[in-house]
Amino acid sequence: MTKGKELSQQDVIELVEAAQGGDQNAFGQLVDAYQDKIYGYLSRMLSDPHEAEDVAQETFVRAYKSLGRFRGASSFHTWLYRIASNLAIDVARRRKRQDNGVYSLDAPVDVGDDEYERDLPDESQAPEQLTEQREVQQTVRAAVMELPEKLRDVMVLYELQGESYEDISEILNVPLGTVKSRLFNARGQLKKRLQSMVDTGELQVG
């Protein structure tokens, strides 16, 4: 995925209108602008970069086919996220039925007062420190992906993608209070699970 150009709100409106009029180049500019965010979201929801790329492409295909029905009731970027979210949930549910294993994430997750960093380790650290850090990363990834789909979606959108409560409300088509409640529950479940793993020695932090 290539880095897209930042567009102003007015740029987006004009490009959407042009694309609705049949201008494929305008839609291509929208894809360039949003593909990194959509891919980043999907890679965190699905953990498989190849599958995430396929679903990202499907997101834009569906967006293009449905563009005539987009009326601007929500922003274009939240509309795209809604398509991507629905596709990601479909894939996750299919995986669950097939029992294909554990999901993972590759970005930090805020679990309340503490943040467990899951970026690539600093290679300047000693080998034993790198091993411990990777083990923590893997444990946190698995814990996040074991959250129920609705809680995981809110967690990824808010904590990892940086979306606002209001935008998440539009993306998931749920009330603002539901977004806040799901995020609260997601943090609580994640913190509880991680703390229990710390207590049993399965997870070493600090």
Protein backbone atom coordinates (compact mmCIF):
# COMPACT_ATOMS: atom_id res chain seq x y z
CA MET A 1 0.00 0.00 0.00
CA THR A 2 1.33 3.42 -0.94
CA LYS A 3 0.97 6.53 1.16
CA GLY A 4 -1.92 8.65 -0.06
CA LYS A 5 -2.21 12.44 -0.36
CA GLU A 6 -3.90 14.32 2.49
CA LEU A 7 -7.14 15.85 1.24
CA SER A 8 -9.16 18.66 2.74
CA GLN A 9 -12.84 18.11 3.44
CA GLN A 10 -13.70 20.27 0.44
CA ASP A 11 -11.32 18.24 -1.77
CA VAL A 12 -13.10 15.06 -0.72
CA ILE A 13 -16.54 16.49 -1.43
CA GLU A 14 -15.46 17.62 -4.90
CA LEU A 15 -13.78 14.31 -5.71
CA VAL A 16 -16.80 12.32 -4.54
CA GLU A 17 -19.09 14.44 -6.72
CA ALA A 18 -16.77 14.01 -9.70
CA ALA A 19 -16.53 10.26 -9.12
CA GLN A 20 -20.32 10.02 -8.90
CA GLY A 21 -20.37 11.70 -12.29
CA GLY A 22 -18.21 8.95 -13.73
CA ASP A 23 -14.72 10.42 -13.25
CA GLN A 24 -12.59 7.34 -12.49
CA ASN A 25 -9.49 9.46 -11.91
CA ALA A 26 -11.33 11.28 -9.10
CA PHE A 27 -12.18 7.98 -7.46
CA GLY A 28 -8.56 6.91 -7.88
CA GLN A 29 -7.49 9.97 -5.90
CA LEU A 30 -9.90 9.00 -3.14
CA VAL A 31 -8.42 5.51 -3.07
CA ASP A 32 -4.90 6.97 -2.86
CA ALA A 33 -5.96 9.20 0.03
CA TYR A 34 -7.66 6.53 2.12
CA GLN A 35 -6.10 3.19 1.26
CA ASP A 36 -3.44 3.33 4.00
CA LYS A 37 -5.99 3.97 6.77
CA ILE A 38 -8.36 1.30 5.53
CA TYR A 39 -5.55 -1.21 5.09
CA GLY A 40 -4.14 -0.38 8.54
CA TYR A 41 -7.53 -0.94 10.14
CA LEU A 42 -8.07 -4.23 8.33
CA SER A 43 -4.58 -5.53 9.05
CA ARG A 44 -5.24 -4.97 12.76
CA MET A 45 -8.66 -6.57 12.63
CA LEU A 46 -7.58 -9.57 10.56
CA SER A 47 -3.84 -9.94 11.36
CA ASP A 48 -3.09 -11.39 7.91
CA PRO A 49 -1.54 -8.70 5.66
CA HIS A 50 -2.46 -10.51 2.44
CA GLU A 51 -6.04 -11.01 3.52
CA ALA A 52 -6.19 -7.42 4.74
CA GLU A 53 -5.05 -6.20 1.34
CA ASP A 54 -7.68 -8.33 -0.41
CA VAL A 55 -10.42 -7.02 1.89
CA ALA A 56 -9.18 -3.45 1.44
CA GLN A 57 -9.47 -3.85 -2.32
CA GLU A 58 -12.95 -5.30 -1.90
CA THR A 59 -13.85 -2.31 0.28
CA PHE A 60 -13.02 0.11 -2.52
CA VAL A 61 -14.72 -2.06 -5.14
CA ARG A 62 -17.91 -2.01 -3.09
CA ALA A 63 -17.54 1.70 -2.44
CA TYR A 64 -17.22 2.38 -6.16
CA LYS A 65 -20.27 0.26 -6.98
CA SER A 66 -22.31 1.96 -4.23
CA LEU A 67 -21.05 5.49 -4.85
CA GLY A 68 -24.30 6.54 -6.49
CA ARG A 69 -26.13 5.85 -3.22
CA PHE A 70 -23.72 7.92 -1.12
CA ARG A 71 -25.57 11.09 -0.16
CA GLY A 72 -23.14 12.63 2.30
CA ALA A 73 -25.24 11.96 5.41
CA SER A 74 -21.95 10.85 6.96
CA SER A 75 -18.41 11.72 5.92
CA PHE A 76 -16.87 9.72 3.08
CA HIS A 77 -14.17 8.30 5.32
CA THR A 78 -16.64 6.99 7.92
CA TRP A 79 -18.69 5.51 5.08
CA LEU A 80 -15.57 3.68 3.84
CA TYR A 81 -14.81 2.44 7.33
CA ARG A 82 -18.36 1.12 7.64
CA ILE A 83 -17.91 -0.97 4.50
CA ALA A 84 -14.52 -2.21 5.70
CA SER A 85 -15.88 -3.00 9.17
CA ASN A 86 -18.72 -5.09 7.79
CA LEU A 87 -16.33 -7.01 5.57
CA ALA A 88 -13.85 -7.54 8.42
CA ILE A 89 -16.55 -8.87 10.72
CA ASP A 90 -17.72 -11.26 8.00
CA VAL A 91 -14.17 -12.58 7.57
CA ALA A 92 -13.61 -12.85 11.34
CA ARG A 93 -16.83 -14.80 11.81
CA ARG A 94 -15.94 -17.11 8.95
CA ARG A 95 -12.54 -17.72 10.53
CA LYS A 96 -14.15 -18.41 13.88
CA ARG A 97 -16.43 -21.02 12.38
CA GLN A 98 -13.47 -22.66 10.69
CA ASP A 99 -11.45 -22.50 13.93
CA ASN A 100 -8.36 -21.32 12.10
CA GLY A 101 -6.44 -20.10 15.14
CA VAL A 102 -5.53 -16.92 16.97
CA TYR A 103 -5.65 -13.38 15.63
CA SER A 104 -3.03 -10.76 16.31
CA LEU A 105 -2.41 -7.01 16.17
CA ASP A 106 0.72 -4.98 15.60
CA ALA A 107 0.06 -1.64 17.29
CA PRO A 108 -0.17 -0.32 20.88
CA VAL A 109 -3.29 -0.89 22.92
CA ASP A 110 -4.30 1.36 25.78
CA VAL A 111 -5.53 -0.84 28.62
CA GLY A 112 -6.37 1.91 31.08
CA ASP A 113 -3.58 3.32 33.23
CA ASP A 114 -0.93 1.24 31.48
CA GLU A 115 -0.02 1.01 27.82
CA TYR A 116 1.66 -2.13 26.55
CA GLU A 117 3.72 -1.13 23.52
CA ARG A 118 3.62 -3.54 20.64
CA ASP A 119 5.81 -1.77 18.08
CA LEU A 120 8.81 -3.52 16.61
CA PRO A 121 11.39 -4.07 19.37
CA ASP A 122 14.50 -1.95 19.63
CA GLU A 123 17.15 -4.18 18.08
CA SER A 124 19.82 -2.50 20.23
CA GLN A 125 18.48 -4.36 23.28
CA ALA A 126 20.03 -7.55 24.58
CA PRO A 127 18.67 -10.79 23.02
CA GLU A 128 16.94 -11.84 26.24
CA GLN A 129 15.21 -8.44 26.46
CA LEU A 130 14.07 -8.71 22.85
CA THR A 131 12.68 -12.17 23.52
CA GLU A 132 10.74 -10.96 26.54
CA GLN A 133 9.41 -7.95 24.65
CA ARG A 134 8.24 -10.11 21.76
CA GLU A 135 6.52 -12.48 24.18
CA VAL A 136 4.67 -9.55 25.76
CA GLN A 137 3.69 -8.28 22.32
CA GLN A 138 2.35 -11.65 21.25
CA THR A 139 0.41 -12.07 24.49
CA VAL A 140 -1.23 -8.66 24.21
CA ARG A 141 -2.08 -9.24 20.55
CA ALA A 142 -3.74 -12.53 21.37
CA ALA A 143 -5.64 -10.97 24.30
CA VAL A 144 -7.00 -8.15 22.13
CA MET A 145 -8.09 -10.52 19.40
CA GLU A 146 -9.94 -12.68 21.92
CA LEU A 147 -12.25 -9.77 22.68
CA PRO A 148 -15.78 -10.14 21.27
CA GLU A 149 -16.00 -8.72 17.74
CA LYS A 150 -18.03 -5.64 18.73
CA LEU A 151 -15.60 -4.73 21.49
CA ARG A 152 -12.54 -5.43 19.36
CA ASP A 153 -13.87 -3.24 16.54
CA VAL A 154 -14.34 -0.25 18.87
CA MET A 155 -10.93 -0.84 20.47
CA VAL A 156 -9.15 -0.91 17.10
CA LEU A 157 -11.00 2.11 15.72
CA TYR A 158 -10.47 4.27 18.80
CA GLU A 159 -7.14 3.18 20.26
CA LEU A 160 -5.29 2.20 17.10
CA GLN A 161 -6.90 4.15 14.27
CA GLY A 162 -7.50 7.32 16.27
CA GLU A 163 -11.14 7.71 15.28
CA SER A 164 -13.38 9.91 17.44
CA TYR A 165 -16.39 8.63 19.38
CA GLU A 166 -18.62 10.46 16.93
CA ASP A 167 -17.02 8.91 13.86
CA ILE A 168 -17.10 5.44 15.39
CA SER A 169 -20.79 5.95 16.12
CA GLU A 170 -21.32 6.64 12.41
CA ILE A 171 -19.04 3.83 11.24
CA LEU A 172 -20.72 1.18 13.37
CA ASN A 173 -24.18 2.75 13.16
CA VAL A 174 -24.69 2.67 16.93
CA PRO A 175 -25.47 5.44 19.46
CA LEU A 176 -22.62 7.43 20.98
CA GLY A 177 -23.34 5.95 24.38
CA THR A 178 -22.94 2.45 22.96
CA VAL A 179 -19.50 3.32 21.60
CA LYS A 180 -18.36 4.58 24.99
CA SER A 181 -19.86 1.58 26.76
CA ARG A 182 -18.19 -0.90 24.40
CA LEU A 183 -14.83 0.83 24.75
CA PHE A 184 -15.14 0.81 28.54
CA ASN A 185 -16.00 -2.89 28.51
CA ALA A 186 -13.20 -3.68 26.04
CA ARG A 187 -10.62 -1.95 28.24
CA GLY A 188 -11.96 -3.68 31.31
CA GLN A 189 -11.89 -7.13 29.76
CA LEU A 190 -8.44 -6.62 28.32
CA LYS A 191 -6.98 -5.26 31.53
CA LYS A 192 -8.53 -8.07 33.57
CA ARG A 193 -7.18 -10.73 31.24
CA LEU A 194 -3.70 -9.23 31.15
CA GLN A 195 -3.64 -8.77 34.92
CA SER A 196 -4.60 -12.39 35.48
CA MET A 197 -1.76 -13.42 33.20
CA VAL A 198 0.65 -11.21 35.17
CA ASP A 199 -0.57 -12.79 38.44
CA THR A 200 -0.01 -16.31 37.12
CA GLY A 201 3.39 -15.44 35.65
CA GLU A 202 2.28 -16.03 32.05
CA LEU A 203 2.98 -12.37 31.24
CA GLN A 204 6.06 -10.50 32.46
CA VAL A 205 5.96 -6.68 32.34
CA GLY A 206 8.34 -4.04 33.58
